[in-house]
């Protein structure tokens, strides 16, 4: 946990960099932004400009979700592309590292899960719009300067990673998961050429205004790998029935097939999509099971996690159904 001294030191560093960028502007105080899941997240003003600050927590290593410089790297590589992202205004590699990005105004709402509710027609327009954004993301040249693309993830490695997460969840919280894992392992598809992956691509991570996508955010787990990994995850959020006791119906929301058609934009169908749709459900069940276990063990108190068992079971069951 950061102390008042830590925040003051970060604020001084941010002030100096933004003052150099805006020499005649008044620099505001750092204000904690809610909802961040990686590092420390603040907002700050510099005159009429507003920025989001992402910083490594003091005393923690800049790895995984705390590797904010890695996030700045992908945002910088996508700047000026057809994928809307916040512009990076400053990067400070001195530990604890931080970067500043432009504040993108908009709302990131998952129609079947989140509040506030958006009109069904708006939800439909947003889902179709970001399916096209995802295609453009996957068309990004991996040789783009500054990206420094990591080694690609393959389907087998992705399955192995999330199988470990699933098996760390108590058996009673993941009914039928062993059969699902076995069936996935028995029929791992060949890989498509690797692309730039967001890792958690969905409307909840895209700021929108009306039906327009303003900025794709939350790049903590971006990677390079098979495009169907992103797709299988994104399609999960098209149907409230995937989330018993959590989701709600949104009239007119595009189906998985409609979203796939929009993504493909006339291109040939992708092979083995059912395997990746099942993989996405397995990943969601593993994540929810992990979060529920942490709550029950007292590692992260969140009574709302007790609503998850029906959805965990449904994810596993429907994944098995998809595989036939």
Protein backbone atom coordinates (compact mmCIF):
# COMPACT_ATOMS: atom_id res chain seq x y z
CA UNK A 1 0.00 0.00 0.00
CA UNK A 2 1.36 3.43 -0.91
CA UNK A 3 1.90 5.96 1.88
CA UNK A 4 1.25 9.69 1.85
CA UNK A 5 4.99 10.18 1.32
CA UNK A 6 4.95 7.84 -1.68
CA UNK A 7 2.05 9.71 -3.25
CA UNK A 8 3.72 13.05 -2.57
CA UNK A 9 6.93 11.90 -4.25
CA UNK A 10 5.02 10.62 -7.27
CA UNK A 11 3.01 13.85 -7.42
CA UNK A 12 6.22 15.90 -7.47
CA UNK A 13 7.64 13.86 -10.35
CA UNK A 14 4.39 14.12 -12.30
CA UNK A 15 4.22 17.86 -11.61
CA UNK A 16 7.70 18.43 -13.00
CA UNK A 17 7.06 16.50 -16.21
CA UNK A 18 3.65 18.02 -16.90
CA UNK A 19 4.87 21.52 -16.03
CA UNK A 20 7.54 21.12 -18.70
CA UNK A 21 4.84 20.05 -21.16
CA UNK A 22 2.46 22.85 -20.10
CA UNK A 23 4.81 25.65 -18.95
CA UNK A 24 2.13 28.22 -18.16
CA UNK A 25 -0.51 25.88 -16.76
CA UNK A 26 -1.45 25.09 -13.19
CA UNK A 27 -0.87 21.40 -12.37
CA UNK A 28 -3.58 19.85 -10.18
CA UNK A 29 -3.36 17.27 -7.42
CA UNK A 30 -3.32 13.54 -8.07
CA UNK A 31 -6.79 12.05 -7.58
CA UNK A 32 -7.28 8.31 -7.26
CA UNK A 33 -9.29 6.82 -10.10
CA UNK A 34 -11.58 3.96 -9.03
CA UNK A 35 -11.74 0.69 -10.90
CA UNK A 36 -8.05 0.25 -11.73
CA UNK A 37 -6.74 -3.30 -11.36
CA UNK A 38 -3.07 -2.78 -12.11
CA UNK A 39 -0.56 -0.57 -10.39
CA UNK A 40 -1.75 2.78 -9.10
CA UNK A 41 -4.14 4.87 -11.19
CA UNK A 42 -4.71 8.60 -10.78
CA UNK A 43 -6.12 11.53 -12.71
CA UNK A 44 -4.48 14.93 -12.82
CA UNK A 45 -5.11 18.20 -14.62
CA UNK A 46 -2.64 20.51 -16.34
CA UNK A 47 -4.54 23.65 -17.17
CA UNK A 48 -7.41 22.55 -19.40
CA UNK A 49 -5.76 19.20 -20.17
CA UNK A 50 -6.51 16.07 -18.16
CA UNK A 51 -4.34 12.99 -17.83
CA UNK A 52 -4.44 9.51 -16.33
CA UNK A 53 -1.34 8.44 -14.42
CA UNK A 54 -0.41 4.75 -14.16
CA UNK A 55 2.36 3.99 -11.66
CA UNK A 56 4.14 1.00 -10.18
CA UNK A 57 3.25 0.67 -6.48
CA UNK A 58 6.26 1.59 -4.30
CA UNK A 59 8.22 -1.46 -3.19
CA UNK A 60 6.70 -3.72 -5.84
CA UNK A 61 8.49 -5.14 -8.85
CA UNK A 62 7.43 -3.77 -12.25
CA UNK A 63 6.25 -7.12 -13.57
CA UNK A 64 2.94 -8.55 -14.75
CA UNK A 65 0.03 -6.17 -14.25
CA UNK A 66 2.36 -3.72 -12.49
CA UNK A 67 4.53 -3.33 -15.58
CA UNK A 68 3.11 0.03 -16.54
CA UNK A 69 5.93 0.77 -18.99
CA UNK A 70 4.84 -2.25 -21.02
CA UNK A 71 1.36 -0.73 -21.21
CA UNK A 72 2.82 2.58 -22.34
CA UNK A 73 4.77 0.73 -25.02
CA UNK A 74 1.73 -0.77 -26.73
CA UNK A 75 -0.21 2.51 -26.49
CA UNK A 76 2.69 4.34 -28.09
CA UNK A 77 2.93 1.75 -30.87
CA UNK A 78 -0.79 2.12 -31.65
CA UNK A 79 -0.77 5.92 -31.60
CA UNK A 80 -2.13 7.30 -34.87
CA UNK A 81 -3.42 3.89 -35.98
CA UNK A 82 -7.01 2.91 -36.77
CA UNK A 83 -7.27 1.43 -33.25
CA UNK A 84 -8.37 4.27 -30.92
CA UNK A 85 -6.17 4.49 -27.83
CA UNK A 86 -5.26 7.26 -25.37
CA UNK A 87 -2.16 9.20 -26.36
CA UNK A 88 0.91 8.80 -24.15
CA UNK A 89 2.04 12.18 -22.84
CA UNK A 90 4.98 11.28 -20.60
CA UNK A 91 6.97 8.21 -19.55
CA UNK A 92 9.25 8.09 -16.51
CA UNK A 93 11.32 4.91 -16.28
CA UNK A 94 12.87 5.82 -12.93
CA UNK A 95 11.55 3.33 -10.37
CA UNK A 96 8.84 3.33 -9.28
CA UNK A 97 8.04 3.97 -12.93
CA UNK A 98 4.95 5.76 -14.23
CA UNK A 99 3.46 7.15 -17.39
CA UNK A 100 0.81 9.72 -18.24
CA UNK A 101 -1.80 9.22 -20.93
CA UNK A 102 -4.49 11.54 -22.19
CA UNK A 103 -7.82 11.24 -20.38
CA UNK A 104 -10.40 9.78 -22.78
CA UNK A 105 -13.93 10.85 -22.00
CA UNK A 106 -16.58 8.16 -22.42
CA UNK A 107 -18.20 5.21 -20.69
CA UNK A 108 -17.08 1.58 -20.62
CA UNK A 109 -20.20 -0.48 -19.93
CA UNK A 110 -20.71 -4.22 -20.48
CA UNK A 111 -24.35 -4.30 -21.66
CA UNK A 112 -25.31 -7.68 -20.19
CA UNK A 113 -23.54 -7.11 -16.86
CA UNK A 114 -22.83 -3.50 -15.90
CA UNK A 115 -24.58 -0.39 -14.70
CA UNK A 116 -25.53 2.14 -15.88
CA UNK A 117 -27.67 0.50 -18.51
CA UNK A 118 -27.39 1.88 -22.02
CA UNK A 119 -30.21 1.90 -24.60
CA UNK A 120 -30.35 -1.41 -26.49
CA UNK A 121 -29.78 0.30 -29.84
CA UNK A 122 -26.64 1.96 -28.45
CA UNK A 123 -25.40 -1.34 -27.01
CA UNK A 124 -25.90 -3.02 -30.39
CA UNK A 125 -24.06 -0.26 -32.25
CA UNK A 126 -21.15 -0.41 -29.80
CA UNK A 127 -20.79 -4.19 -29.99
CA UNK A 128 -20.71 -4.13 -33.79
CA UNK A 129 -18.31 -1.18 -33.81
CA UNK A 130 -15.77 -2.78 -31.53
CA UNK A 131 -15.90 -6.06 -33.47
CA UNK A 132 -14.42 -4.00 -36.31
CA UNK A 133 -11.95 -2.38 -33.91
CA UNK A 134 -10.78 -5.85 -32.85
CA UNK A 135 -10.18 -6.81 -36.49
CA UNK A 136 -8.10 -3.66 -37.00
CA UNK A 137 -6.14 -4.41 -33.83
CA UNK A 138 -5.35 -7.87 -35.18
CA UNK A 139 -4.16 -6.30 -38.45
CA UNK A 140 -1.48 -4.29 -36.61
CA UNK A 141 2.01 -4.83 -38.01
CA UNK A 142 3.97 -6.64 -35.30
CA UNK A 143 7.09 -4.86 -36.58
CA UNK A 144 5.62 -1.46 -35.61
CA UNK A 145 8.42 0.63 -34.08
CA UNK A 146 8.37 0.64 -30.31
CA UNK A 147 6.09 -2.36 -29.92
CA UNK A 148 8.92 -4.81 -29.23
CA UNK A 149 6.52 -7.73 -29.64
CA UNK A 150 7.06 -10.65 -27.24
CA UNK A 151 7.20 -14.31 -28.26
CA UNK A 152 3.76 -15.46 -29.46
CA UNK A 153 1.30 -17.40 -27.32
CA UNK A 154 0.01 -20.57 -28.93
CA UNK A 155 -3.27 -22.37 -28.26
CA UNK A 156 -1.56 -25.21 -26.38
CA UNK A 157 0.27 -22.78 -24.11
CA UNK A 158 -2.87 -20.78 -23.45
CA UNK A 159 -4.72 -23.98 -22.53
CA UNK A 160 -1.93 -25.10 -20.23
CA UNK A 161 -1.80 -21.73 -18.46
CA UNK A 162 -5.52 -21.58 -17.72
CA UNK A 163 -5.74 -25.27 -16.88
CA UNK A 164 -3.35 -24.59 -14.01
CA UNK A 165 -5.57 -21.74 -12.83
CA UNK A 166 -8.65 -23.96 -13.03
CA UNK A 167 -7.04 -26.79 -11.11
CA UNK A 168 -6.08 -24.40 -8.31
CA UNK A 169 -9.81 -23.90 -7.69
CA UNK A 170 -11.44 -26.34 -5.20
CA UNK A 171 -13.16 -29.24 -6.97
CA UNK A 172 -16.60 -28.40 -5.59
CA UNK A 173 -16.50 -24.97 -7.27
CA UNK A 174 -15.78 -26.31 -10.79
CA UNK A 175 -18.14 -29.22 -11.53
CA UNK A 176 -17.33 -31.00 -14.79
CA UNK A 177 -14.13 -29.06 -15.36
CA UNK A 178 -11.83 -32.06 -15.58
CA UNK A 179 -13.82 -33.51 -18.46
CA UNK A 180 -13.76 -30.11 -20.17
CA UNK A 181 -10.00 -29.78 -19.76
CA UNK A 182 -9.49 -33.30 -21.10
CA UNK A 183 -11.61 -32.63 -24.17
CA UNK A 184 -9.86 -29.35 -24.88
CA UNK A 185 -6.46 -31.03 -24.57
CA UNK A 186 -7.44 -33.84 -26.90
CA UNK A 187 -8.19 -31.55 -29.83
CA UNK A 188 -5.92 -28.49 -29.69
CA UNK A 189 -6.17 -26.76 -33.10
CA UNK A 190 -3.24 -25.63 -35.17
CA UNK A 191 -2.28 -21.99 -34.74
CA UNK A 192 -3.02 -19.12 -37.06
CA UNK A 193 -0.33 -16.49 -37.75
CA UNK A 194 0.19 -14.44 -34.56
CA UNK A 195 -1.37 -11.00 -34.13
CA UNK A 196 -1.41 -8.29 -31.47
CA UNK A 197 -3.82 -9.39 -28.70
CA UNK A 198 -5.51 -7.18 -26.13
CA UNK A 199 -6.13 -10.08 -23.74
CA UNK A 200 -9.40 -8.78 -22.25
CA UNK A 201 -11.17 -7.28 -25.23
CA UNK A 202 -14.82 -6.41 -24.51
CA UNK A 203 -17.05 -3.35 -24.21
CA UNK A 204 -16.14 -3.02 -20.53
CA UNK A 205 -12.63 -2.08 -21.70
CA UNK A 206 -13.60 0.30 -24.51
CA UNK A 207 -14.63 3.87 -23.74
CA UNK A 208 -17.53 4.90 -25.94
CA UNK A 209 -19.59 8.00 -26.63
CA UNK A 210 -22.93 7.12 -28.16
CA UNK A 211 -22.23 4.36 -30.66
CA UNK A 212 -18.65 5.50 -31.24
CA UNK A 213 -15.57 3.80 -29.78
CA UNK A 214 -13.30 6.49 -28.32
CA UNK A 215 -10.48 4.51 -26.71
CA UNK A 216 -9.51 0.91 -26.01
CA UNK A 217 -8.11 0.83 -22.46
CA UNK A 218 -6.77 -1.65 -19.86
CA UNK A 219 -3.81 -3.10 -21.74
CA UNK A 220 -2.27 -4.87 -18.73
CA UNK A 221 -2.21 -8.32 -20.33
CA UNK A 222 -1.61 -7.56 -24.01
CA UNK A 223 0.40 -10.14 -25.87
CA UNK A 224 0.97 -11.67 -29.28
CA UNK A 225 -0.76 -14.85 -30.39
CA UNK A 226 -3.62 -16.53 -32.20
CA UNK A 227 -6.42 -14.01 -32.99
CA UNK A 228 -9.07 -16.54 -31.96
CA UNK A 229 -7.92 -16.18 -28.33
CA UNK A 230 -9.24 -12.60 -28.26
CA UNK A 231 -12.31 -13.53 -30.29
CA UNK A 232 -13.37 -16.44 -28.10
CA UNK A 233 -13.28 -14.16 -25.06
CA UNK A 234 -15.06 -11.22 -26.72
CA UNK A 235 -17.95 -13.37 -27.94
CA UNK A 236 -18.73 -14.50 -24.38
CA UNK A 237 -20.29 -11.14 -23.63
CA UNK A 238 -22.88 -11.30 -26.40
CA UNK A 239 -25.30 -13.50 -24.42
CA UNK A 240 -26.59 -12.82 -20.90
CA UNK A 241 -27.40 -16.52 -20.52
CA UNK A 242 -23.69 -17.17 -20.10
CA UNK A 243 -23.94 -15.37 -16.73
CA UNK A 244 -26.79 -16.91 -14.66
CA UNK A 245 -27.90 -14.63 -11.77
CA UNK A 246 -25.45 -12.00 -13.03
CA UNK A 247 -26.50 -11.14 -16.58
CA UNK A 248 -29.57 -9.51 -18.08
CA UNK A 249 -31.12 -9.67 -21.53
CA UNK A 250 -30.43 -6.77 -23.89
CA UNK A 251 -32.94 -6.74 -26.78
CA UNK A 252 -31.31 -6.69 -30.18
CA UNK A 253 -27.75 -7.29 -28.96
CA UNK A 254 -25.77 -8.94 -31.79
CA UNK A 255 -25.34 -12.69 -31.62
CA UNK A 256 -21.94 -14.36 -31.63
CA UNK A 257 -22.40 -15.18 -35.32
CA UNK A 258 -23.26 -11.58 -36.16
CA UNK A 259 -20.21 -10.32 -34.31
CA UNK A 260 -18.01 -12.85 -36.08
CA UNK A 261 -19.40 -11.77 -39.45
CA UNK A 262 -18.65 -8.14 -38.62
CA UNK A 263 -15.13 -9.05 -37.50
CA UNK A 264 -14.47 -11.07 -40.67
CA UNK A 265 -15.86 -8.34 -42.95
CA UNK A 266 -16.18 -10.71 -45.90
CA UNK A 267 -13.05 -12.72 -45.17
CA UNK A 268 -13.07 -16.50 -44.95
CA UNK A 269 -14.42 -18.09 -41.75
CA UNK A 270 -11.85 -18.92 -39.09
CA UNK A 271 -11.33 -22.63 -38.43
CA UNK A 272 -11.92 -24.26 -35.05
CA UNK A 273 -13.73 -21.26 -33.56
CA UNK A 274 -15.80 -23.59 -31.36
CA UNK A 275 -12.63 -24.72 -29.59
CA UNK A 276 -11.72 -21.11 -28.81
CA UNK A 277 -15.28 -20.30 -27.73
CA UNK A 278 -15.04 -23.20 -25.28
CA UNK A 279 -11.59 -22.02 -24.18
CA UNK A 280 -12.99 -18.56 -23.42
CA UNK A 281 -15.66 -20.08 -21.20
CA UNK A 282 -13.10 -22.24 -19.42
CA UNK A 283 -10.94 -19.17 -18.76
CA UNK A 284 -13.91 -17.25 -17.34
CA UNK A 285 -14.83 -20.17 -15.06
CA UNK A 286 -11.22 -20.42 -13.87
CA UNK A 287 -11.00 -16.68 -13.14
CA UNK A 288 -14.31 -16.62 -11.28
CA UNK A 289 -13.40 -19.74 -9.33
CA UNK A 290 -10.06 -18.21 -8.38
CA UNK A 291 -11.74 -15.00 -7.19
CA UNK A 292 -14.34 -16.91 -5.18
CA UNK A 293 -11.66 -19.05 -3.57
CA UNK A 294 -9.70 -15.93 -2.54
CA UNK A 295 -12.84 -14.48 -0.98
CA UNK A 296 -13.64 -17.64 0.96
CA UNK A 297 -10.05 -17.92 2.17
CA UNK A 298 -10.18 -14.34 3.45
CA UNK A 299 -7.53 -13.07 1.04
CA UNK A 300 -9.88 -10.57 -0.59
CA UNK A 301 -13.18 -9.92 1.15
CA UNK A 302 -15.94 -9.50 -1.43
CA UNK A 303 -19.31 -11.08 -0.55
CA UNK A 304 -20.51 -10.45 -4.10
CA UNK A 305 -18.29 -13.34 -5.18
CA UNK A 306 -20.84 -15.72 -3.63
CA UNK A 307 -23.07 -15.02 -6.64
CA UNK A 308 -20.59 -16.71 -8.97
CA UNK A 309 -21.15 -20.50 -8.58
CA UNK A 310 -24.09 -20.72 -11.06
CA UNK A 311 -22.11 -18.83 -13.69
CA UNK A 312 -18.98 -20.93 -13.13
CA UNK A 313 -21.05 -24.08 -13.60
CA UNK A 314 -22.77 -22.65 -16.68
CA UNK A 315 -19.47 -21.67 -18.29
CA UNK A 316 -18.13 -25.20 -17.88
CA UNK A 317 -21.37 -26.84 -19.02
CA UNK A 318 -21.82 -24.71 -22.13
CA UNK A 319 -18.14 -25.08 -23.06
CA UNK A 320 -18.62 -28.84 -23.05
CA UNK A 321 -21.80 -28.44 -25.12
CA UNK A 322 -19.97 -26.33 -27.70
CA UNK A 323 -17.36 -29.04 -28.12
CA UNK A 324 -20.16 -31.49 -28.94
